[in-house]
Protein backbone atom coordinates (compact mmCIF):
# COMPACT_ATOMS: atom_id res chain seq x y z
CA UNK A 1 0.00 0.00 0.00
CA UNK A 2 1.28 3.45 -0.87
CA UNK A 3 1.44 5.86 2.04
CA UNK A 4 1.43 9.66 2.02
CA UNK A 5 3.31 11.58 4.69
CA UNK A 6 1.59 14.33 6.64
CA UNK A 7 3.87 16.90 5.00
CA UNK A 8 3.02 15.59 1.53
CA UNK A 9 -0.69 15.50 2.31
CA UNK A 10 -0.58 19.06 3.67
CA UNK A 11 1.28 20.27 0.55
CA UNK A 12 -1.32 18.62 -1.69
CA UNK A 13 -4.17 20.19 0.25
CA UNK A 14 -2.41 23.55 0.09
CA UNK A 15 -2.21 23.37 -3.67
CA UNK A 16 -5.94 22.63 -3.86
CA UNK A 17 -6.77 25.40 -1.39
CA UNK A 18 -4.45 27.95 -2.97
CA UNK A 19 -2.15 28.29 0.04
CA UNK A 20 1.16 28.24 -1.81
CA UNK A 21 3.68 31.08 -1.75
CA UNK A 22 2.02 34.20 -0.35
CA UNK A 23 3.76 37.59 -0.61
CA UNK A 24 2.94 39.72 2.42
CA UNK A 25 3.84 43.32 3.27
CA UNK A 26 4.80 43.66 6.94
CA UNK A 27 4.53 47.16 8.40
CA UNK A 28 4.71 48.73 11.85
CA UNK A 29 3.92 51.91 13.70
CA UNK A 30 6.47 53.36 14.17
CA UNK A 31 8.35 52.13 11.12
CA UNK A 32 11.91 50.92 10.92
CA UNK A 33 11.34 47.92 13.19
CA UNK A 34 13.29 44.69 12.74
CA UNK A 35 11.26 41.73 11.52
CA UNK A 36 12.19 38.14 12.37
CA UNK A 37 10.52 35.20 10.68
CA UNK A 38 11.18 31.90 12.45
CA UNK A 39 14.17 33.60 14.10
CA UNK A 40 15.68 34.95 10.87
CA UNK A 41 16.04 38.71 10.43
CA UNK A 42 14.42 39.62 7.10
CA UNK A 43 14.85 43.41 7.29
CA UNK A 44 13.06 46.44 8.68
CA UNK A 45 9.48 47.58 8.23
CA UNK A 46 7.95 48.06 5.77
CA UNK A 47 9.25 44.83 4.23
CA UNK A 48 7.81 42.16 1.93
CA UNK A 49 8.16 38.47 2.65
CA UNK A 50 6.82 35.38 0.96
CA UNK A 51 5.27 32.71 3.18
CA UNK A 52 5.11 29.31 1.51
CA UNK A 53 2.63 27.16 3.44
CA UNK A 54 3.23 24.22 1.11
CA UNK A 55 6.68 23.95 2.73
CA UNK A 56 5.96 25.01 6.31
CA UNK A 57 2.65 24.78 8.12
CA UNK A 58 3.29 27.83 10.28
CA UNK A 59 5.54 30.87 10.65
CA UNK A 60 6.41 32.91 13.74
CA UNK A 61 6.70 36.63 13.00
CA UNK A 62 8.34 38.90 15.62
CA UNK A 63 8.61 42.68 15.24
CA UNK A 64 10.94 44.65 17.52
CA UNK A 65 12.30 48.17 17.82
CA UNK A 66 14.41 49.84 20.48
CA UNK A 67 12.22 51.73 22.93
CA UNK A 68 9.16 49.61 22.18
CA UNK A 69 7.83 46.24 23.31
CA UNK A 70 8.14 43.29 20.94
CA UNK A 71 5.03 42.10 19.15
CA UNK A 72 4.56 38.72 17.51
CA UNK A 73 2.08 36.73 15.50
CA UNK A 74 1.95 33.10 14.46
CA UNK A 75 0.71 32.45 10.94
CA UNK A 76 -0.82 29.04 10.28
CA UNK A 77 -1.60 27.98 6.73
CA UNK A 78 -5.31 27.27 7.25
CA UNK A 79 -6.22 30.50 9.09
CA UNK A 80 -7.54 33.85 7.91
CA UNK A 81 -4.37 35.58 9.13
CA UNK A 82 -2.29 33.48 6.74
CA UNK A 83 -4.35 34.68 3.77
CA UNK A 84 -3.78 38.39 4.33
CA UNK A 85 -1.56 40.36 1.98
CA UNK A 86 -0.55 42.78 4.75
CA UNK A 87 0.44 42.46 8.40
CA UNK A 88 0.45 45.60 10.56
CA UNK A 89 1.83 45.97 14.07
CA UNK A 90 1.24 48.89 16.45
CA UNK A 91 4.22 48.66 18.77
CA UNK A 92 3.53 49.67 22.41
CA UNK A 93 6.05 52.01 24.00
CA UNK A 94 8.38 50.21 26.42
CA UNK A 95 7.60 51.92 29.77
CA UNK A 96 11.10 51.15 31.09
CA UNK A 97 12.97 52.73 28.21
CA UNK A 98 12.62 56.34 29.35
CA UNK A 99 13.63 55.38 32.90
CA UNK A 100 16.81 53.57 31.90
CA UNK A 101 19.99 54.55 30.10
CA UNK A 102 23.18 53.03 28.69
CA UNK A 103 26.19 53.02 31.00
CA UNK A 104 29.85 52.04 30.67
CA UNK A 105 29.44 50.17 33.97
CA UNK A 106 26.46 48.02 33.00
CA UNK A 107 27.44 44.37 33.55
CA UNK A 108 31.14 45.12 33.11
CA UNK A 109 33.87 46.32 35.43
CA UNK A 110 35.05 49.91 35.48
CA UNK A 111 38.39 50.69 37.09
CA UNK A 112 39.02 54.03 38.79
CA UNK A 113 42.49 55.07 39.89
CA UNK A 114 41.76 57.14 42.97
CA UNK A 115 43.19 60.63 43.24
CA UNK A 116 46.34 60.81 45.36
CA UNK A 117 44.72 63.48 47.50
CA UNK A 118 42.37 60.82 48.95
CA UNK A 119 43.71 58.43 51.55
CA UNK A 120 42.24 54.95 51.67
CA UNK A 121 39.94 55.59 54.65
CA UNK A 122 38.64 58.82 53.15
CA UNK A 123 38.11 57.14 49.80
CA UNK A 124 36.20 54.27 51.43
CA UNK A 125 33.90 56.61 53.35
CA UNK A 126 33.26 58.65 50.22
CA UNK A 127 32.40 55.47 48.35
CA UNK A 128 30.05 54.13 51.01
CA UNK A 129 28.26 57.48 51.31
CA UNK A 130 27.71 57.65 47.55
CA UNK A 131 26.52 54.05 47.18
CA UNK A 132 24.16 54.11 50.16
CA UNK A 133 22.60 57.35 48.94
CA UNK A 134 21.44 55.36 45.91
CA UNK A 135 21.06 51.88 47.46
CA UNK A 136 19.70 52.20 50.97
CA UNK A 137 20.31 48.52 51.77
CA UNK A 138 23.77 46.94 51.56
CA UNK A 139 24.10 43.17 51.33
CA UNK A 140 27.83 42.98 52.09
CA UNK A 141 30.22 45.64 53.34
CA UNK A 142 33.83 44.85 54.28
CA UNK A 143 36.12 47.82 54.92
CA UNK A 144 39.15 45.59 55.46
CA UNK A 145 39.03 44.07 51.98
CA UNK A 146 37.34 47.05 50.37
CA UNK A 147 34.35 45.05 49.10
CA UNK A 148 30.79 46.35 48.84
CA UNK A 149 27.65 44.81 47.35
CA UNK A 150 24.20 46.35 47.55
CA UNK A 151 20.82 44.72 47.78
CA UNK A 152 19.26 44.85 44.28
CA UNK A 153 16.78 47.55 43.36
CA UNK A 154 13.83 46.17 41.39
CA UNK A 155 10.97 47.70 39.48
CA UNK A 156 8.01 45.93 37.86
CA UNK A 157 6.55 47.23 34.60
CA UNK A 158 3.07 46.24 33.46
CA UNK A 159 2.21 45.42 29.84
CA UNK A 160 -1.41 46.58 29.33
CA UNK A 161 -1.76 44.92 25.91
CA UNK A 162 -1.12 41.42 27.30
CA UNK A 163 -1.88 41.81 31.00
CA UNK A 164 1.63 40.58 31.75
CA UNK A 165 4.62 42.28 33.32
CA UNK A 166 8.39 42.25 33.45
CA UNK A 167 10.96 43.23 36.05
CA UNK A 168 14.28 45.06 35.88
CA UNK A 169 16.75 44.93 38.75
CA UNK A 170 20.13 46.57 39.28
CA UNK A 171 22.81 45.95 41.90
CA UNK A 172 26.06 47.76 42.75
CA UNK A 173 29.19 45.63 43.21
CA UNK A 174 32.66 47.01 43.87
CA UNK A 175 36.01 46.30 45.46
CA UNK A 176 39.50 47.73 45.99
CA UNK A 177 41.86 45.89 43.65
CA UNK A 178 45.11 47.77 44.35
CA UNK A 179 46.51 49.94 47.14
CA UNK A 180 49.65 51.18 45.37
CA UNK A 181 48.23 52.99 43.48
CA UNK A 182 44.78 52.96 45.03
CA UNK A 183 42.42 51.48 42.46
CA UNK A 184 38.74 50.68 42.87
CA UNK A 185 36.66 48.67 40.41
CA UNK A 186 32.88 48.50 40.25
CA UNK A 187 29.96 47.56 38.04
CA UNK A 188 26.18 47.82 37.95
CA UNK A 189 24.74 44.36 37.53
CA UNK A 190 21.56 44.75 35.50
CA UNK A 191 19.04 41.97 34.80
CA UNK A 192 15.67 41.48 33.15
CA UNK A 193 12.94 38.95 33.94
CA UNK A 194 9.54 38.25 32.40
CA UNK A 195 9.00 34.96 34.22
CA UNK A 196 9.57 33.88 37.84
CA UNK A 197 13.17 33.12 38.84
CA UNK A 198 14.52 33.51 35.32
CA UNK A 199 16.89 36.44 34.84
CA UNK A 200 18.86 37.51 31.78
CA UNK A 201 21.42 40.35 31.44
CA UNK A 202 19.91 43.72 30.54
CA UNK A 203 21.98 46.30 28.64
CA UNK A 204 20.65 49.41 30.40
CA UNK A 205 20.53 50.73 33.97
CA UNK A 206 18.21 53.08 35.81
CA UNK A 207 19.02 56.77 35.45
CA UNK A 208 19.96 56.90 39.15
CA UNK A 209 22.58 54.19 38.61
CA UNK A 210 24.33 56.17 35.89
CA UNK A 211 24.25 59.25 38.12
CA UNK A 212 26.02 57.16 40.78
CA UNK A 213 28.66 56.08 38.24
CA UNK A 214 29.34 59.70 37.31
CA UNK A 215 29.41 60.77 40.96
CA UNK A 216 32.00 58.12 41.83
CA UNK A 217 34.18 59.11 38.90
CA UNK A 218 34.04 62.73 39.98
CA UNK A 219 34.40 62.29 43.75
CA UNK A 220 37.17 59.71 43.52
CA UNK A 221 39.20 61.98 41.32
CA UNK A 222 38.71 60.88 37.72
CA UNK A 223 36.19 61.83 35.04
């Protein structure tokens, strides 16, 4: 007996139903957003792409732009969405974007050679005062070794369009790495989470964190 695979049967049905290659214009508001189809970057909006449902039964389309929340849609060959000749996405503004900023200290160490006018004790007190003005709770503080780590600051952002939320947290970590000359290194650990107990590095920090970075550079003697 001759058998027909599911893929072959689907392709045959697609030909009968007219669901072969389908050119679609993908647009967004605002424009200039990156479009990924099944994980592959196909360009920026507006962009045309051909979906061939005789080869794949479904396609995942993701649209993303800096400062806005990602939007996605799954196209399945036997649905109305798959038969459209246009796909439009209204990208919601990312509520965290205006409250965060790039920083040279985000998730990477910055080294500061302390001004010679500051003795170690004075430098340490200056450092602690600056950090605790931003992070009221300190997780570890050791004057002898020159190590300081704050308790993370977290903020939850709601996503009205989906009813979901995501969290951003930042944490100050620093230590003295040399006494001759006196050198202090620090970083702002920044993470993102949109599901419980799952954190990934985030490439921005809160505006107050960058202000702390600049304050330390200035008060410890370097800009």
